[in-house]
Amino acid sequence: MTVSKTAKVQTEINKARDKLAKQQAHIKELENKLTSIENDAIVEIVRGQHIPLEKLFGMLQSINGN
């Protein structure tokens, strides 16, 4: 009786771990998608300003104090 109970609990643990791993992978995919969308928005904003690349680079350096 005890063996079947432990096996049942172990099966539930394994299922929960599998679900967790799938959810973590899904979260990672969503985080990557969010980063991509944010990057696209940044590029769109910067391109909309029509700033030459050299000037943009200089502006970013001055913001960072370099």
Protein backbone atom coordinates (compact mmCIF):
# COMPACT_ATOMS: atom_id res chain seq x y z
CA MET A 1 0.00 0.00 0.00
CA THR A 2 2.76 2.46 0.92
CA VAL A 3 4.66 1.76 -2.29
CA SER A 4 1.66 2.61 -4.45
CA LYS A 5 1.08 5.82 -2.48
CA THR A 6 4.68 6.92 -2.89
CA ALA A 7 4.61 6.03 -6.58
CA LYS A 8 1.44 8.07 -7.02
CA VAL A 9 2.96 11.08 -5.26
CA GLN A 10 6.18 10.73 -7.26
CA THR A 11 4.14 10.68 -10.46
CA GLU A 12 2.37 13.87 -9.39
CA ILE A 13 5.73 15.49 -8.59
CA ASN A 14 7.06 14.54 -12.02
CA LYS A 15 3.97 15.96 -13.72
CA ALA A 16 4.27 19.19 -11.74
CA ARG A 17 7.95 19.52 -12.65
CA ASP A 18 7.15 18.94 -16.29
CA LYS A 19 4.44 21.61 -16.19
CA LEU A 20 6.82 24.00 -14.47
CA ALA A 21 9.51 23.43 -17.09
CA LYS A 22 7.01 24.10 -19.87
CA GLN A 23 5.81 27.28 -18.18
CA GLN A 24 9.38 28.48 -17.67
CA ALA A 25 10.12 27.88 -21.34
CA HIS A 26 6.96 29.77 -22.28
CA ILE A 27 7.95 32.68 -20.04
CA LYS A 28 11.38 32.77 -21.69
CA GLU A 29 9.76 32.86 -25.14
CA LEU A 30 7.48 35.71 -24.07
CA GLU A 31 10.40 37.65 -22.58
CA ASN A 32 12.32 37.27 -25.85
CA LYS A 33 9.27 38.41 -27.82
CA LEU A 34 8.85 41.44 -25.54
CA THR A 35 12.52 42.38 -25.96
CA SER A 36 12.17 42.11 -29.73
CA ILE A 37 9.07 44.31 -29.75
CA GLU A 38 10.78 46.88 -27.51
CA ASN A 39 13.86 46.88 -29.76
CA ASP A 40 11.70 47.39 -32.84
CA ALA A 41 9.98 50.35 -31.15
CA ILE A 42 13.34 51.90 -30.24
CA VAL A 43 14.63 51.53 -33.79
CA GLU A 44 11.44 53.05 -35.17
CA ILE A 45 11.71 56.06 -32.85
CA VAL A 46 15.38 56.63 -33.65
CA ARG A 47 14.88 56.30 -37.38
CA GLY A 48 11.97 58.73 -37.17
CA GLN A 49 14.38 61.37 -35.87
CA HIS A 50 16.52 61.16 -39.03
CA ILE A 51 19.73 61.54 -37.03
CA PRO A 52 22.93 60.48 -38.82
CA LEU A 53 24.52 57.43 -37.24
CA GLU A 54 27.68 59.28 -36.28
CA LYS A 55 25.73 62.02 -34.51
CA LEU A 56 23.56 59.45 -32.73
CA PHE A 57 26.65 57.61 -31.56
CA GLY A 58 28.11 60.86 -30.22
CA MET A 59 24.87 61.72 -28.44
CA LEU A 60 24.75 58.33 -26.76
CA GLN A 61 28.36 58.64 -25.70
CA SER A 62 27.73 62.05 -24.16
CA ILE A 63 24.72 60.69 -22.28
CA ASN A 64 26.88 57.89 -20.86
CA GLY A 65 29.60 60.38 -19.94
CA ASN A 66 32.23 58.83 -22.22
